């Protein structure tokens, strides 16, 4: 994962690989789950949510990171991405 660079949508000051991206997503997902549990008396499992976030882009090891416009230009490709 560290060898696959992401397509920069918003920030293109430096490259980011999918490993870095997944870890950042995992931190945010964990924080949001904890906030929801504390502030809204929910019973989410922050550890499971974190694990799912860490793997959310694992398929890109095979496909590489496709730019968003390409992912959603072709309806068939878009449907496959939405299955994850």
PDB file of N, CA and C in Angstrom:
ATOM      1  N   UNK A   1       0.808  -1.190   0.000  1.00  0.00           N
ATOM      2  CA  UNK A   1       0.000   0.000   0.000  1.00  0.00           C
ATOM      3  C   UNK A   1       0.860   1.266   0.000  1.00  0.00           C
ATOM      4  N   UNK A   2       2.018   1.165   0.618  1.00  0.00           N
ATOM      5  CA  UNK A   2       2.856   2.362   0.676  1.00  0.00           C
ATOM      6  C   UNK A   2       3.468   2.706  -0.685  1.00  0.00           C
ATOM      7  N   UNK A   3       3.406   1.785  -1.616  1.00  0.00           N
ATOM      8  CA  UNK A   3       3.988   2.029  -2.942  1.00  0.00           C
ATOM      9  C   UNK A   3       2.978   2.594  -3.944  1.00  0.00           C
ATOM     10  N   UNK A   4       1.717   2.711  -3.551  1.00  0.00           N
ATOM     11  CA  UNK A   4       0.682   3.197  -4.462  1.00  0.00           C
ATOM     12  C   UNK A   4       0.284   4.607  -4.058  1.00  0.00           C
ATOM     13  N   UNK A   5       0.626   5.559  -4.889  1.00  0.00           N
ATOM     14  CA  UNK A   5       0.281   6.951  -4.606  1.00  0.00           C
ATOM     15  C   UNK A   5      -1.169   7.227  -4.956  1.00  0.00           C
ATOM     16  N   UNK A   6      -1.767   8.086  -4.168  1.00  0.00           N
ATOM     17  CA  UNK A   6      -3.160   8.469  -4.402  1.00  0.00           C
ATOM     18  C   UNK A   6      -3.224   9.583  -5.429  1.00  0.00           C
ATOM     19  N   UNK A   7      -4.352   9.633  -6.101  1.00  0.00           N
ATOM     20  CA  UNK A   7      -4.623  10.717  -7.037  1.00  0.00           C
ATOM     21  C   UNK A   7      -5.045  11.919  -6.209  1.00  0.00           C
ATOM     22  N   UNK A   8      -4.318  13.036  -6.298  1.00  0.00           N
ATOM     23  CA  UNK A   8      -4.630  14.190  -5.431  1.00  0.00           C
ATOM     24  C   UNK A   8      -5.857  14.958  -5.923  1.00  0.00           C
ATOM     25  N   UNK A   9      -6.926  14.891  -5.159  1.00  0.00           N
ATOM     26  CA  UNK A   9      -8.140  15.601  -5.519  1.00  0.00           C
ATOM     27  C   UNK A   9      -8.106  17.025  -4.975  1.00  0.00           C
ATOM     28  N   UNK A  10      -7.830  17.168  -3.704  1.00  0.00           N
ATOM     29  CA  UNK A  10      -7.872  18.480  -3.065  1.00  0.00           C
ATOM     30  C   UNK A  10      -6.472  19.049  -2.828  1.00  0.00           C
ATOM     31  N   UNK A  11      -5.607  18.208  -2.332  1.00  0.00           N
ATOM     32  CA  UNK A  11      -4.318  18.685  -1.859  1.00  0.00           C
ATOM     33  C   UNK A  11      -3.226  18.070  -2.728  1.00  0.00           C
ATOM     34  N   UNK A  12      -2.501  18.869  -3.422  1.00  0.00           N
ATOM     35  CA  UNK A  12      -1.445  18.316  -4.269  1.00  0.00           C
ATOM     36  C   UNK A  12      -0.099  18.958  -3.971  1.00  0.00           C
ATOM     37  N   UNK A  13       0.106  19.346  -2.720  1.00  0.00           N
ATOM     38  CA  UNK A  13       1.389  19.912  -2.310  1.00  0.00           C
ATOM     39  C   UNK A  13       2.436  18.812  -2.217  1.00  0.00           C
ATOM     40  N   UNK A  14       2.024  17.647  -1.746  1.00  0.00           N
ATOM     41  CA  UNK A  14       2.920  16.490  -1.678  1.00  0.00           C
ATOM     42  C   UNK A  14       2.117  15.235  -1.985  1.00  0.00           C
ATOM     43  N   UNK A  15       2.798  14.208  -2.388  1.00  0.00           N
ATOM     44  CA  UNK A  15       2.096  12.963  -2.695  1.00  0.00           C
ATOM     45  C   UNK A  15       1.720  12.253  -1.400  1.00  0.00           C
ATOM     46  N   UNK A  16       0.688  11.463  -1.500  1.00  0.00           N
ATOM     47  CA  UNK A  16       0.219  10.669  -0.363  1.00  0.00           C
ATOM     48  C   UNK A  16      -0.043   9.267  -0.882  1.00  0.00           C
ATOM     49  N   UNK A  17       0.404   8.258  -0.162  1.00  0.00           N
ATOM     50  CA  UNK A  17       0.127   6.896  -0.599  1.00  0.00           C
ATOM     51  C   UNK A  17      -1.137   6.383   0.088  1.00  0.00           C
ATOM     52  N   UNK A  18      -1.651   5.243  -0.381  1.00  0.00           N
ATOM     53  CA  UNK A  18      -2.913   4.765   0.169  1.00  0.00           C
ATOM     54  C   UNK A  18      -2.753   4.255   1.604  1.00  0.00           C
ATOM     55  N   UNK A  19      -1.571   3.880   1.992  1.00  0.00           N
ATOM     56  CA  UNK A  19      -1.338   3.472   3.375  1.00  0.00           C
ATOM     57  C   UNK A  19      -1.522   4.658   4.321  1.00  0.00           C
ATOM     58  N   UNK A  20      -0.936   5.796   3.972  1.00  0.00           N
ATOM     59  CA  UNK A  20      -1.112   7.010   4.775  1.00  0.00           C
ATOM     60  C   UNK A  20      -2.582   7.417   4.817  1.00  0.00           C
ATOM     61  N   UNK A  21      -3.208   7.379   3.667  1.00  0.00           N
ATOM     62  CA  UNK A  21      -4.615   7.765   3.567  1.00  0.00           C
ATOM     63  C   UNK A  21      -5.483   6.884   4.464  1.00  0.00           C
ATOM     64  N   UNK A  22      -5.288   5.571   4.397  1.00  0.00           N
ATOM     65  CA  UNK A  22      -6.100   4.653   5.196  1.00  0.00           C
ATOM     66  C   UNK A  22      -5.917   4.893   6.689  1.00  0.00           C
ATOM     67  N   UNK A  23      -4.694   5.179   7.121  1.00  0.00           N
ATOM     68  CA  UNK A  23      -4.460   5.444   8.536  1.00  0.00           C
ATOM     69  C   UNK A  23      -5.165   6.725   8.976  1.00  0.00           C
ATOM     70  N   UNK A  24      -5.103   7.752   8.149  1.00  0.00           N
ATOM     71  CA  UNK A  24      -5.796   9.001   8.484  1.00  0.00           C
ATOM     72  C   UNK A  24      -7.313   8.778   8.556  1.00  0.00           C
ATOM     73  N   UNK A  25      -7.852   8.013   7.622  1.00  0.00           N
ATOM     74  CA  UNK A  25      -9.280   7.704   7.631  1.00  0.00           C
ATOM     75  C   UNK A  25      -9.627   6.917   8.897  1.00  0.00           C
ATOM     76  N   UNK A  26      -8.765   5.990   9.297  1.00  0.00           N
ATOM     77  CA  UNK A  26      -9.012   5.197  10.506  1.00  0.00           C
ATOM     78  C   UNK A  26      -9.047   6.088  11.751  1.00  0.00           C
ATOM     79  N   UNK A  27      -8.138   7.065  11.843  1.00  0.00           N
ATOM     80  CA  UNK A  27      -8.137   7.982  12.986  1.00  0.00           C
ATOM     81  C   UNK A  27      -9.447   8.768  13.046  1.00  0.00           C
ATOM     82  N   UNK A  28      -9.864   9.285  11.917  1.00  0.00           N
ATOM     83  CA  UNK A  28     -11.098  10.082  11.870  1.00  0.00           C
ATOM     84  C   UNK A  28     -12.311   9.202  12.189  1.00  0.00           C
ATOM     85  N   UNK A  29     -12.359   8.011  11.626  1.00  0.00           N
ATOM     86  CA  UNK A  29     -13.483   7.106  11.866  1.00  0.00           C
ATOM     87  C   UNK A  29     -13.576   6.740  13.350  1.00  0.00           C
ATOM     88  N   UNK A  30     -12.439   6.464  13.970  1.00  0.00           N
ATOM     89  CA  UNK A  30     -12.431   6.121  15.403  1.00  0.00           C
ATOM     90  C   UNK A  30     -12.934   7.300  16.234  1.00  0.00           C
ATOM     91  N   UNK A  31     -12.435   8.479  15.929  1.00  0.00           N
ATOM     92  CA  UNK A  31     -12.857   9.673  16.675  1.00  0.00           C
ATOM     93  C   UNK A  31     -14.356   9.915  16.518  1.00  0.00           C
ATOM     94  N   UNK A  32     -14.869   9.787  15.308  1.00  0.00           N
ATOM     95  CA  UNK A  32     -16.300  10.007  15.082  1.00  0.00           C
ATOM     96  C   UNK A  32     -17.155   8.981  15.822  1.00  0.00           C
ATOM     97  N   UNK A  33     -16.709   7.733  15.840  1.00  0.00           N
ATOM     98  CA  UNK A  33     -17.455   6.704  16.568  1.00  0.00           C
ATOM     99  C   UNK A  33     -17.462   7.006  18.066  1.00  0.00           C
ATOM    100  N   UNK A  34     -16.328   7.408  18.614  1.00  0.00           N
ATOM    101  CA  UNK A  34     -16.254   7.750  20.038  1.00  0.00           C
ATOM    102  C   UNK A  34     -17.137   8.956  20.365  1.00  0.00           C
ATOM    103  N   UNK A  35     -17.110   9.942  19.500  1.00  0.00           N
ATOM    104  CA  UNK A  35     -17.946  11.133  19.708  1.00  0.00           C
ATOM    105  C   UNK A  35     -19.426  10.752  19.684  1.00  0.00           C
ATOM    106  N   UNK A  36     -19.805   9.929  18.712  1.00  0.00           N
ATOM    107  CA  UNK A  36     -21.215   9.522  18.621  1.00  0.00           C
ATOM    108  C   UNK A  36     -21.639   8.756  19.867  1.00  0.00           C
ATOM    109  N   UNK A  37     -20.770   7.881  20.375  1.00  0.00           N
ATOM    110  CA  UNK A  37     -21.103   7.123  21.584  1.00  0.00           C
ATOM    111  C   UNK A  37     -21.262   8.031  22.797  1.00  0.00           C
ATOM    112  N   UNK A  38     -20.346   8.981  22.957  1.00  0.00           N
ATOM    113  CA  UNK A  38     -20.387   9.856  24.136  1.00  0.00           C
ATOM    114  C   UNK A  38     -21.481  10.908  24.061  1.00  0.00           C
ATOM    115  N   UNK A  39     -21.596  11.553  22.933  1.00  0.00           N
ATOM    116  CA  UNK A  39     -22.511  12.686  22.814  1.00  0.00           C
ATOM    117  C   UNK A  39     -23.943  12.289  22.483  1.00  0.00           C
ATOM    118  N   UNK A  40     -24.114  11.154  21.826  1.00  0.00           N
ATOM    119  CA  UNK A  40     -25.447  10.755  21.382  1.00  0.00           C
ATOM    120  C   UNK A  40     -25.889   9.412  21.966  1.00  0.00           C
ATOM    121  N   UNK A  41     -25.164   8.962  22.989  1.00  0.00           N
ATOM    122  CA  UNK A  41     -25.502   7.721  23.706  1.00  0.00           C
ATOM    123  C   UNK A  41     -25.719   6.535  22.771  1.00  0.00           C
ATOM    124  N   UNK A  42     -24.883   6.427  21.760  1.00  0.00           N
ATOM    125  CA  UNK A  42     -24.971   5.294  20.844  1.00  0.00           C
ATOM    126  C   UNK A  42     -24.081   4.172  21.365  1.00  0.00           C
ATOM    127  N   UNK A  43     -24.078   3.048  20.697  1.00  0.00           N
ATOM    128  CA  UNK A  43     -23.255   1.916  21.114  1.00  0.00           C
ATOM    129  C   UNK A  43     -22.461   1.361  19.946  1.00  0.00           C
ATOM    130  N   UNK A  44     -21.830   2.252  19.199  1.00  0.00           N
ATOM    131  CA  UNK A  44     -20.985   1.821  18.087  1.00  0.00           C
ATOM    132  C   UNK A  44     -19.737   1.144  18.641  1.00  0.00           C
ATOM    133  N   UNK A  45     -19.131   0.293  17.834  1.00  0.00           N
ATOM    134  CA  UNK A  45     -17.880  -0.355  18.213  1.00  0.00           C
ATOM    135  C   UNK A  45     -16.736   0.387  17.515  1.00  0.00           C
ATOM    136  N   UNK A  46     -16.066   1.319  18.212  1.00  0.00           N
ATOM    137  CA  UNK A  46     -15.019   2.123  17.575  1.00  0.00           C
ATOM    138  C   UNK A  46     -13.864   1.289  17.009  1.00  0.00           C
ATOM    139  N   UNK A  47     -13.559   0.174  17.659  1.00  0.00           N
ATOM    140  CA  UNK A  47     -12.451  -0.662  17.182  1.00  0.00           C
ATOM    141  C   UNK A  47     -12.798  -1.313  15.844  1.00  0.00           C
ATOM    142  N   UNK A  48     -14.025  -1.795  15.713  1.00  0.00           N
ATOM    143  CA  UNK A  48     -14.446  -2.405  14.435  1.00  0.00           C
ATOM    144  C   UNK A  48     -14.492  -1.358  13.332  1.00  0.00           C
ATOM    145  N   UNK A  49     -15.030  -0.200  13.645  1.00  0.00           N
ATOM    146  CA  UNK A  49     -15.103   0.880  12.663  1.00  0.00           C
ATOM    147  C   UNK A  49     -13.697   1.279  12.214  1.00  0.00           C
ATOM    148  N   UNK A  50     -12.766   1.324  13.161  1.00  0.00           N
ATOM    149  CA  UNK A  50     -11.380   1.654  12.831  1.00  0.00           C
ATOM    150  C   UNK A  50     -10.785   0.606  11.907  1.00  0.00           C
ATOM    151  N   UNK A  51     -11.022  -0.654  12.201  1.00  0.00           N
ATOM    152  CA  UNK A  51     -10.497  -1.736  11.360  1.00  0.00           C
ATOM    153  C   UNK A  51     -11.064  -1.667   9.944  1.00  0.00           C
ATOM    154  N   UNK A  52     -12.363  -1.438   9.835  1.00  0.00           N
ATOM    155  CA  UNK A  52     -12.974  -1.313   8.505  1.00  0.00           C
ATOM    156  C   UNK A  52     -12.386  -0.129   7.743  1.00  0.00           C
ATOM    157  N   UNK A  53     -12.158   0.959   8.438  1.00  0.00           N
ATOM    158  CA  UNK A  53     -11.576   2.140   7.792  1.00  0.00           C
ATOM    159  C   UNK A  53     -10.159   1.863   7.303  1.00  0.00           C
ATOM    160  N   UNK A  54      -9.404   1.080   8.068  1.00  0.00           N
ATOM    161  CA  UNK A  54      -8.024   0.779   7.668  1.00  0.00           C
ATOM    162  C   UNK A  54      -7.978  -0.024   6.370  1.00  0.00           C
ATOM    163  N   UNK A  55      -9.013  -0.797   6.117  1.00  0.00           N
ATOM    164  CA  UNK A  55      -9.040  -1.646   4.927  1.00  0.00           C
ATOM    165  C   UNK A  55      -9.908  -1.089   3.806  1.00  0.00           C
ATOM    166  N   UNK A  56     -10.471   0.094   3.968  1.00  0.00           N
ATOM    167  CA  UNK A  56     -11.467   0.573   3.001  1.00  0.00           C
ATOM    168  C   UNK A  56     -10.927   0.732   1.586  1.00  0.00           C
ATOM    169  N   UNK A  57      -9.640   0.925   1.436  1.00  0.00           N
ATOM    170  CA  UNK A  57      -9.078   1.083   0.089  1.00  0.00           C
ATOM    171  C   UNK A  57      -8.109  -0.056  -0.260  1.00  0.00           C
ATOM    172  N   UNK A  58      -8.234  -1.171   0.427  1.00  0.00           N
ATOM    173  CA  UNK A  58      -7.315  -2.288   0.194  1.00  0.00           C
ATOM    174  C   UNK A  58      -7.375  -2.799  -1.245  1.00  0.00           C
ATOM    175  N   UNK A  59      -8.529  -2.688  -1.887  1.00  0.00           N
ATOM    176  CA  UNK A  59      -8.646  -3.167  -3.272  1.00  0.00           C
ATOM    177  C   UNK A  59      -7.740  -2.381  -4.216  1.00  0.00           C
ATOM    178  N   UNK A  60      -7.326  -1.191  -3.804  1.00  0.00           N
ATOM    179  CA  UNK A  60      -6.465  -0.384  -4.661  1.00  0.00           C
ATOM    180  C   UNK A  60      -5.054  -0.961  -4.785  1.00  0.00           C
ATOM    181  N   UNK A  61      -4.739  -1.960  -3.971  1.00  0.00           N
ATOM    182  CA  UNK A  61      -3.475  -2.673  -4.141  1.00  0.00           C
ATOM    183  C   UNK A  61      -3.474  -3.365  -5.502  1.00  0.00           C
ATOM    184  N   UNK A  62      -4.652  -3.800  -5.940  1.00  0.00           N
ATOM    185  CA  UNK A  62      -4.789  -4.476  -7.226  1.00  0.00           C
ATOM    186  C   UNK A  62      -5.080  -3.471  -8.341  1.00  0.00           C
ATOM    187  N   UNK A  63      -6.001  -2.559  -8.087  1.00  0.00           N
ATOM    188  CA  UNK A  63      -6.453  -1.651  -9.151  1.00  0.00           C
ATOM    189  C   UNK A  63      -5.644  -0.374  -9.262  1.00  0.00           C
ATOM    190  N   UNK A  64      -4.930  -0.018  -8.193  1.00  0.00           N
ATOM    191  CA  UNK A  64      -4.313   1.303  -8.141  1.00  0.00           C
ATOM    192  C   UNK A  64      -5.387   2.312  -7.771  1.00  0.00           C
ATOM    193  N   UNK A  65      -5.000   3.532  -7.528  1.00  0.00           N
ATOM    194  CA  UNK A  65      -5.976   4.564  -7.182  1.00  0.00           C
ATOM    195  C   UNK A  65      -6.443   5.225  -8.461  1.00  0.00           C
ATOM    196  N   UNK A  66      -7.704   5.039  -8.767  1.00  0.00           N
ATOM    197  CA  UNK A  66      -8.262   5.673  -9.958  1.00  0.00           C
ATOM    198  C   UNK A  66      -8.769   7.071  -9.609  1.00  0.00           C
ATOM    199  N   UNK A  67      -8.540   8.031 -10.460  1.00  0.00           N
ATOM    200  CA  UNK A  67      -9.092   9.372 -10.223  1.00  0.00           C
ATOM    201  C   UNK A  67     -10.622   9.317 -10.147  1.00  0.00           C
ATOM    202  N   UNK A  68     -11.189  10.105  -9.268  1.00  0.00           N
ATOM    203  CA  UNK A  68     -12.635  10.124  -9.059  1.00  0.00           C
ATOM    204  C   UNK A  68     -13.426  10.317 -10.354  1.00  0.00           C
ATOM    205  N   UNK A  69     -13.038  11.235 -11.238  1.00  0.00           N
ATOM    206  CA  UNK A  69     -13.823  11.384 -12.475  1.00  0.00           C
ATOM    207  C   UNK A  69     -13.880  10.097 -13.314  1.00  0.00           C
ATOM    208  N   UNK A  70     -12.810   9.323 -13.277  1.00  0.00           N
ATOM    209  CA  UNK A  70     -12.796   8.063 -14.031  1.00  0.00           C
ATOM    210  C   UNK A  70     -13.678   7.035 -13.338  1.00  0.00           C
ATOM    211  N   UNK A  71     -13.626   6.981 -11.989  1.00  0.00           N
ATOM    212  CA  UNK A  71     -14.442   6.026 -11.242  1.00  0.00           C
ATOM    213  C   UNK A  71     -15.929   6.190 -11.557  1.00  0.00           C
ATOM    214  N   UNK A  72     -16.365   7.419 -11.722  1.00  0.00           N
ATOM    215  CA  UNK A  72     -17.800   7.664 -11.861  1.00  0.00           C
ATOM    216  C   UNK A  72     -18.243   8.038 -13.271  1.00  0.00           C
ATOM    217  N   UNK A  73     -17.330   8.067 -14.225  1.00  0.00           N
ATOM    218  CA  UNK A  73     -17.695   8.369 -15.610  1.00  0.00           C
ATOM    219  C   UNK A  73     -18.432   7.192 -16.248  1.00  0.00           C
ATOM    220  N   UNK A  74     -17.926   6.001 -15.999  1.00  0.00           N
ATOM    221  CA  UNK A  74     -18.517   4.792 -16.560  1.00  0.00           C
ATOM    222  C   UNK A  74     -19.453   4.172 -15.516  1.00  0.00           C
ATOM    223  N   UNK A  75     -20.742   4.042 -15.796  1.00  0.00           N
ATOM    224  CA  UNK A  75     -21.693   3.508 -14.808  1.00  0.00           C
ATOM    225  C   UNK A  75     -21.331   2.110 -14.292  1.00  0.00           C
ATOM    226  N   UNK A  76     -20.777   1.293 -15.159  1.00  0.00           N
ATOM    227  CA  UNK A  76     -20.405  -0.073 -14.740  1.00  0.00           C
ATOM    228  C   UNK A  76     -19.265  -0.030 -13.704  1.00  0.00           C
ATOM    229  N   UNK A  77     -18.266   0.800 -13.957  1.00  0.00           N
ATOM    230  CA  UNK A  77     -17.160   0.942 -12.997  1.00  0.00           C
ATOM    231  C   UNK A  77     -17.688   1.552 -11.694  1.00  0.00           C
ATOM    232  N   UNK A  78     -18.537   2.555 -11.805  1.00  0.00           N
ATOM    233  CA  UNK A  78     -19.100   3.213 -10.621  1.00  0.00           C
ATOM    234  C   UNK A  78     -19.871   2.212  -9.758  1.00  0.00           C
ATOM    235  N   UNK A  79     -20.655   1.354 -10.379  1.00  0.00           N
ATOM    236  CA  UNK A  79     -21.405   0.346  -9.629  1.00  0.00           C
ATOM    237  C   UNK A  79     -20.477  -0.621  -8.895  1.00  0.00           C
ATOM    238  N   UNK A  80     -19.385  -0.995  -9.528  1.00  0.00           N
ATOM    239  CA  UNK A  80     -18.429  -1.896  -8.879  1.00  0.00           C
ATOM    240  C   UNK A  80     -17.786  -1.222  -7.660  1.00  0.00           C
ATOM    241  N   UNK A  81     -17.438   0.053  -7.774  1.00  0.00           N
ATOM    242  CA  UNK A  81     -16.854   0.761  -6.636  1.00  0.00           C
ATOM    243  C   UNK A  81     -17.854   0.907  -5.499  1.00  0.00           C
ATOM    244  N   UNK A  82     -19.109   1.093  -5.822  1.00  0.00           N
ATOM    245  CA  UNK A  82     -20.130   1.283  -4.795  1.00  0.00           C
ATOM    246  C   UNK A  82     -20.445  -0.007  -4.049  1.00  0.00           C
ATOM    247  N   UNK A  83     -20.034  -1.145  -4.565  1.00  0.00           N
ATOM    248  CA  UNK A  83     -20.258  -2.427  -3.887  1.00  0.00           C
ATOM    249  C   UNK A  83     -19.396  -2.558  -2.632  1.00  0.00           C
ATOM    250  N   UNK A  84     -18.258  -1.860  -2.605  1.00  0.00           N
ATOM    251  CA  UNK A  84     -17.355  -1.991  -1.442  1.00  0.00           C
ATOM    252  C   UNK A  84     -17.948  -1.404  -0.252  1.00  0.00           C
TER     253      UNK A  84
END
